[in-house]
């Protein structure tokens, strides 16, 4: 029963991380300037990115890694799933650097 509850928690966590990574990539995809009339939308996405990559994401990531570590320690979780959660945290917080690296590689 506990593992089912944690699976729900981690799938909700993963969907939130996916949303954050998608909004960060979309916010950085516009290189030549913003289209006309998109000021409020860009501001809202910037706020969402700042919120999800700031204190909220840090707190959730710390709790997720702690939960994964505890469940791995007690033998209740698959090691591959735990590693996926931890790698997902690295991708979430490194999304800006990853996108910048891809853009610089494509330009040069």
N, C-alpha and C. Protein backbone atom coordinates (compact mmCIF):
# COMPACT_ATOMS: atom_id res chain seq x y z
N UNK A 1 0.81 -1.20 0.00
CA UNK A 1 0.00 0.00 0.00
C UNK A 1 0.85 1.25 0.00
N UNK A 2 1.93 1.25 0.75
CA UNK A 2 2.77 2.43 0.81
C UNK A 2 3.39 2.71 -0.54
N UNK A 3 3.83 1.67 -1.24
CA UNK A 3 4.48 1.90 -2.53
C UNK A 3 3.50 2.49 -3.54
N UNK A 4 2.22 2.14 -3.47
CA UNK A 4 1.23 2.71 -4.38
C UNK A 4 1.06 4.21 -4.13
N UNK A 5 1.06 4.60 -2.87
CA UNK A 5 0.93 6.01 -2.54
C UNK A 5 2.16 6.79 -3.00
N UNK A 6 3.34 6.21 -2.82
CA UNK A 6 4.56 6.88 -3.26
C UNK A 6 4.62 6.95 -4.79
N UNK A 7 4.11 5.93 -5.47
CA UNK A 7 4.08 6.00 -6.94
C UNK A 7 3.21 7.15 -7.41
N UNK A 8 2.05 7.34 -6.78
CA UNK A 8 1.19 8.47 -7.12
C UNK A 8 1.91 9.79 -6.86
N UNK A 9 2.57 9.86 -5.71
CA UNK A 9 3.30 11.09 -5.35
C UNK A 9 4.39 11.38 -6.37
N UNK A 10 5.18 10.35 -6.73
CA UNK A 10 6.28 10.58 -7.66
C UNK A 10 5.80 10.83 -9.08
N UNK A 11 4.70 10.24 -9.50
CA UNK A 11 4.18 10.54 -10.83
C UNK A 11 3.65 11.97 -10.89
N UNK A 12 3.03 12.44 -9.81
CA UNK A 12 2.60 13.84 -9.77
C UNK A 12 3.82 14.76 -9.75
N UNK A 13 4.84 14.37 -9.04
CA UNK A 13 6.07 15.15 -8.98
C UNK A 13 6.75 15.19 -10.34
N UNK A 14 6.79 14.06 -11.02
CA UNK A 14 7.41 14.01 -12.34
C UNK A 14 6.64 14.86 -13.35
N UNK A 15 5.30 14.84 -13.26
CA UNK A 15 4.53 15.67 -14.19
C UNK A 15 4.75 17.15 -13.91
N UNK A 16 4.93 17.52 -12.65
CA UNK A 16 5.23 18.92 -12.33
C UNK A 16 6.60 19.29 -12.86
N UNK A 17 7.60 18.39 -12.72
CA UNK A 17 8.92 18.68 -13.23
C UNK A 17 8.90 18.78 -14.75
N UNK A 18 8.14 17.93 -15.39
CA UNK A 18 8.02 18.01 -16.85
C UNK A 18 7.43 19.33 -17.29
N UNK A 19 6.43 19.83 -16.55
CA UNK A 19 5.84 21.12 -16.86
C UNK A 19 6.86 22.23 -16.70
N UNK A 20 7.68 22.15 -15.67
CA UNK A 20 8.68 23.20 -15.44
C UNK A 20 9.73 23.18 -16.54
N UNK A 21 10.18 22.01 -16.94
CA UNK A 21 11.20 21.93 -17.97
C UNK A 21 10.64 22.40 -19.31
N UNK A 22 9.38 22.09 -19.59
CA UNK A 22 8.77 22.52 -20.84
C UNK A 22 8.62 24.03 -20.87
N UNK A 23 8.17 24.64 -19.79
CA UNK A 23 8.00 26.08 -19.79
C UNK A 23 9.34 26.79 -19.89
N UNK A 24 10.39 26.24 -19.29
CA UNK A 24 11.70 26.85 -19.39
C UNK A 24 12.22 26.79 -20.81
N UNK A 25 12.03 25.65 -21.48
CA UNK A 25 12.49 25.53 -22.85
C UNK A 25 11.70 26.43 -23.78
N UNK A 26 10.40 26.53 -23.57
CA UNK A 26 9.60 27.40 -24.42
C UNK A 26 9.92 28.86 -24.19
N UNK A 27 10.24 29.23 -22.97
CA UNK A 27 10.56 30.62 -22.69
C UNK A 27 11.89 31.02 -23.32
N UNK A 28 12.80 30.08 -23.50
CA UNK A 28 14.09 30.38 -24.08
C UNK A 28 14.12 30.17 -25.58
N UNK A 29 13.07 29.60 -26.16
CA UNK A 29 13.09 29.28 -27.58
C UNK A 29 13.00 30.52 -28.45
N UNK A 30 12.44 31.60 -27.96
CA UNK A 30 12.29 32.82 -28.75
C UNK A 30 13.61 33.57 -28.68
N UNK A 31 14.34 33.61 -29.81
CA UNK A 31 15.66 34.23 -29.80
C UNK A 31 15.64 35.65 -30.36
N UNK A 32 14.79 35.93 -31.34
CA UNK A 32 14.82 37.21 -32.02
C UNK A 32 13.95 38.27 -31.39
N UNK A 33 13.37 38.03 -30.27
CA UNK A 33 12.47 38.98 -29.63
C UNK A 33 11.09 38.39 -29.50
N UNK A 34 10.27 39.07 -28.74
CA UNK A 34 8.93 38.57 -28.50
C UNK A 34 7.97 39.07 -29.57
N UNK A 35 6.98 38.26 -29.94
CA UNK A 35 5.98 38.70 -30.90
C UNK A 35 5.14 39.84 -30.32
N UNK A 36 4.53 40.60 -31.19
CA UNK A 36 3.70 41.72 -30.75
C UNK A 36 2.53 41.23 -29.91
N UNK A 37 2.27 41.93 -28.81
CA UNK A 37 1.14 41.59 -27.95
C UNK A 37 1.37 40.44 -27.01
N UNK A 38 2.59 39.94 -26.91
CA UNK A 38 2.84 38.77 -26.06
C UNK A 38 3.43 39.16 -24.71
N UNK A 39 3.43 40.42 -24.37
CA UNK A 39 4.02 40.89 -23.12
C UNK A 39 3.45 40.22 -21.88
N UNK A 40 2.13 40.20 -21.71
CA UNK A 40 1.57 39.55 -20.51
C UNK A 40 1.83 38.04 -20.47
N UNK A 41 1.82 37.40 -21.64
CA UNK A 41 2.05 35.96 -21.69
C UNK A 41 3.50 35.65 -21.31
N UNK A 42 4.43 36.43 -21.86
CA UNK A 42 5.84 36.22 -21.55
C UNK A 42 6.11 36.50 -20.07
N UNK A 43 5.46 37.54 -19.54
CA UNK A 43 5.63 37.84 -18.11
C UNK A 43 5.07 36.72 -17.24
N UNK A 44 3.92 36.16 -17.63
CA UNK A 44 3.32 35.06 -16.86
C UNK A 44 4.21 33.82 -16.92
N UNK A 45 4.76 33.51 -18.10
CA UNK A 45 5.65 32.36 -18.20
C UNK A 45 6.95 32.58 -17.43
N UNK A 46 7.44 33.81 -17.42
CA UNK A 46 8.62 34.13 -16.63
C UNK A 46 8.36 33.95 -15.15
N UNK A 47 7.19 34.38 -14.70
CA UNK A 47 6.82 34.20 -13.29
C UNK A 47 6.71 32.71 -12.95
N UNK A 48 6.06 31.94 -13.85
CA UNK A 48 5.90 30.50 -13.64
C UNK A 48 7.26 29.81 -13.59
N UNK A 49 8.15 30.19 -14.49
CA UNK A 49 9.48 29.60 -14.50
C UNK A 49 10.23 29.95 -13.22
N UNK A 50 10.16 31.19 -12.81
CA UNK A 50 10.84 31.59 -11.57
C UNK A 50 10.28 30.87 -10.35
N UNK A 51 8.97 30.67 -10.33
CA UNK A 51 8.35 29.98 -9.20
C UNK A 51 8.72 28.51 -9.18
N UNK A 52 8.62 27.86 -10.33
CA UNK A 52 8.87 26.42 -10.37
C UNK A 52 10.35 26.07 -10.28
N UNK A 53 11.22 26.97 -10.69
CA UNK A 53 12.65 26.68 -10.59
C UNK A 53 13.29 27.32 -9.36
N UNK A 54 12.50 28.00 -8.57
CA UNK A 54 13.03 28.66 -7.38
C UNK A 54 12.85 27.82 -6.14
N UNK A 55 12.29 28.42 -5.12
CA UNK A 55 12.16 27.76 -3.83
C UNK A 55 11.22 26.57 -3.87
N UNK A 56 10.17 26.64 -4.67
CA UNK A 56 9.20 25.53 -4.74
C UNK A 56 9.87 24.28 -5.28
N UNK A 57 10.57 24.42 -6.40
CA UNK A 57 11.22 23.26 -7.00
C UNK A 57 12.33 22.73 -6.10
N UNK A 58 13.05 23.61 -5.46
CA UNK A 58 14.13 23.16 -4.58
C UNK A 58 13.57 22.36 -3.40
N UNK A 59 12.50 22.85 -2.80
CA UNK A 59 11.91 22.14 -1.66
C UNK A 59 11.35 20.79 -2.10
N UNK A 60 10.66 20.75 -3.22
CA UNK A 60 10.08 19.49 -3.70
C UNK A 60 11.18 18.51 -4.09
N UNK A 61 12.24 19.01 -4.72
CA UNK A 61 13.34 18.12 -5.11
C UNK A 61 14.04 17.54 -3.89
N UNK A 62 14.23 18.34 -2.87
CA UNK A 62 14.87 17.85 -1.65
C UNK A 62 14.00 16.76 -1.01
N UNK A 63 12.69 17.00 -0.96
CA UNK A 63 11.80 15.98 -0.38
C UNK A 63 11.77 14.72 -1.23
N UNK A 64 11.79 14.87 -2.56
CA UNK A 64 11.76 13.71 -3.44
C UNK A 64 13.02 12.88 -3.30
N UNK A 65 14.18 13.53 -3.29
CA UNK A 65 15.43 12.80 -3.15
C UNK A 65 15.52 12.13 -1.78
N UNK A 66 15.06 12.82 -0.75
CA UNK A 66 15.05 12.22 0.59
C UNK A 66 14.13 11.01 0.64
N UNK A 67 12.95 11.11 0.05
CA UNK A 67 12.01 9.98 0.03
C UNK A 67 12.57 8.82 -0.76
N UNK A 68 13.18 9.11 -1.91
CA UNK A 68 13.78 8.04 -2.72
C UNK A 68 14.91 7.37 -1.95
N UNK A 69 15.75 8.18 -1.31
CA UNK A 69 16.85 7.61 -0.53
C UNK A 69 16.37 6.74 0.61
N UNK A 70 15.34 7.20 1.31
CA UNK A 70 14.79 6.40 2.41
C UNK A 70 14.18 5.11 1.90
N UNK A 71 13.43 5.19 0.81
CA UNK A 71 12.80 3.97 0.29
C UNK A 71 13.83 3.00 -0.27
N UNK A 72 14.90 3.52 -0.88
CA UNK A 72 15.97 2.64 -1.34
C UNK A 72 16.69 2.00 -0.16
N UNK A 73 16.90 2.77 0.89
CA UNK A 73 17.58 2.27 2.08
C UNK A 73 16.80 1.14 2.74
N UNK A 74 15.48 1.25 2.75
CA UNK A 74 14.66 0.22 3.37
C UNK A 74 14.30 -0.91 2.42
N UNK A 75 14.71 -0.81 1.16
CA UNK A 75 14.47 -1.88 0.20
C UNK A 75 13.07 -1.90 -0.37
N UNK A 76 12.38 -0.79 -0.38
CA UNK A 76 11.01 -0.75 -0.87
C UNK A 76 10.88 -0.18 -2.28
N UNK A 77 11.99 0.23 -2.89
CA UNK A 77 11.89 0.87 -4.19
C UNK A 77 12.87 0.24 -5.18
N UNK A 78 12.48 0.24 -6.42
CA UNK A 78 13.34 -0.20 -7.50
C UNK A 78 14.47 0.83 -7.67
N UNK A 79 15.70 0.37 -7.76
CA UNK A 79 16.84 1.28 -7.87
C UNK A 79 16.79 2.09 -9.15
N UNK A 80 16.31 1.50 -10.22
CA UNK A 80 16.25 2.20 -11.50
C UNK A 80 15.26 3.37 -11.43
N UNK A 81 14.13 3.17 -10.77
CA UNK A 81 13.15 4.26 -10.63
C UNK A 81 13.71 5.39 -9.76
N UNK A 82 14.42 5.03 -8.72
CA UNK A 82 15.04 6.04 -7.86
C UNK A 82 16.08 6.85 -8.61
N UNK A 83 16.89 6.17 -9.41
CA UNK A 83 17.89 6.88 -10.21
C UNK A 83 17.22 7.80 -11.23
N UNK A 84 16.08 7.37 -11.77
CA UNK A 84 15.35 8.21 -12.72
C UNK A 84 14.86 9.50 -12.06
N UNK A 85 14.39 9.41 -10.84
CA UNK A 85 13.93 10.60 -10.12
C UNK A 85 15.10 11.55 -9.88
N UNK A 86 16.23 11.03 -9.48
CA UNK A 86 17.38 11.87 -9.19
C UNK A 86 17.92 12.50 -10.47
N UNK A 87 17.99 11.75 -11.56
CA UNK A 87 18.42 12.31 -12.84
C UNK A 87 17.43 13.37 -13.32
N UNK A 88 16.14 13.14 -13.08
CA UNK A 88 15.13 14.14 -13.44
C UNK A 88 15.35 15.46 -12.72
N UNK A 89 15.77 15.40 -11.47
CA UNK A 89 16.09 16.63 -10.73
C UNK A 89 17.26 17.36 -11.36
N UNK A 90 18.28 16.62 -11.77
CA UNK A 90 19.42 17.25 -12.44
C UNK A 90 18.99 17.90 -13.75
N UNK A 91 18.15 17.24 -14.51
CA UNK A 91 17.68 17.81 -15.77
C UNK A 91 16.83 19.05 -15.52
N UNK A 92 15.99 19.01 -14.50
CA UNK A 92 15.13 20.15 -14.18
C UNK A 92 15.97 21.39 -13.87
N UNK A 93 16.93 21.25 -12.97
CA UNK A 93 17.70 22.41 -12.56
C UNK A 93 18.77 22.78 -13.58
N UNK A 94 19.13 21.88 -14.46
CA UNK A 94 20.12 22.18 -15.49
C UNK A 94 19.50 22.49 -16.84
N UNK A 95 18.18 22.68 -16.88
CA UNK A 95 17.50 22.90 -18.16
C UNK A 95 18.02 24.14 -18.88
N UNK A 96 18.27 25.20 -18.17
CA UNK A 96 18.79 26.42 -18.82
C UNK A 96 20.15 26.19 -19.45
N UNK A 97 21.04 25.51 -18.74
CA UNK A 97 22.37 25.23 -19.27
C UNK A 97 22.30 24.26 -20.45
N UNK A 98 21.40 23.29 -20.38
CA UNK A 98 21.25 22.33 -21.46
C UNK A 98 20.77 23.01 -22.73
N UNK A 99 19.76 23.87 -22.60
CA UNK A 99 19.23 24.57 -23.77
C UNK A 99 20.27 25.53 -24.33
N UNK A 100 21.00 26.23 -23.47
CA UNK A 100 22.05 27.14 -23.94
C UNK A 100 23.14 26.39 -24.69
N UNK A 101 23.50 25.22 -24.19
CA UNK A 101 24.51 24.41 -24.86
C UNK A 101 24.04 23.92 -26.23
N UNK A 102 22.78 23.52 -26.32
CA UNK A 102 22.23 23.08 -27.60
C UNK A 102 22.17 24.23 -28.59
N UNK A 103 21.74 25.41 -28.12
CA UNK A 103 21.67 26.58 -29.00
C UNK A 103 23.06 27.00 -29.48
N UNK A 104 24.06 26.97 -28.62
CA UNK A 104 25.41 27.37 -29.04
C UNK A 104 26.01 26.33 -29.99
N UNK A 105 25.69 25.06 -29.80
CA UNK A 105 26.18 24.03 -30.70
C UNK A 105 25.50 24.15 -32.08
N UNK A 106 24.23 24.52 -32.09
CA UNK A 106 23.52 24.66 -33.37
C UNK A 106 23.97 25.90 -34.11
N UNK A 107 24.34 26.96 -33.38
CA UNK A 107 24.76 28.20 -34.03
C UNK A 107 26.20 28.11 -34.54
N UNK A 108 27.02 27.35 -33.89
CA UNK A 108 28.45 27.32 -34.26
C UNK A 108 28.82 26.09 -34.93
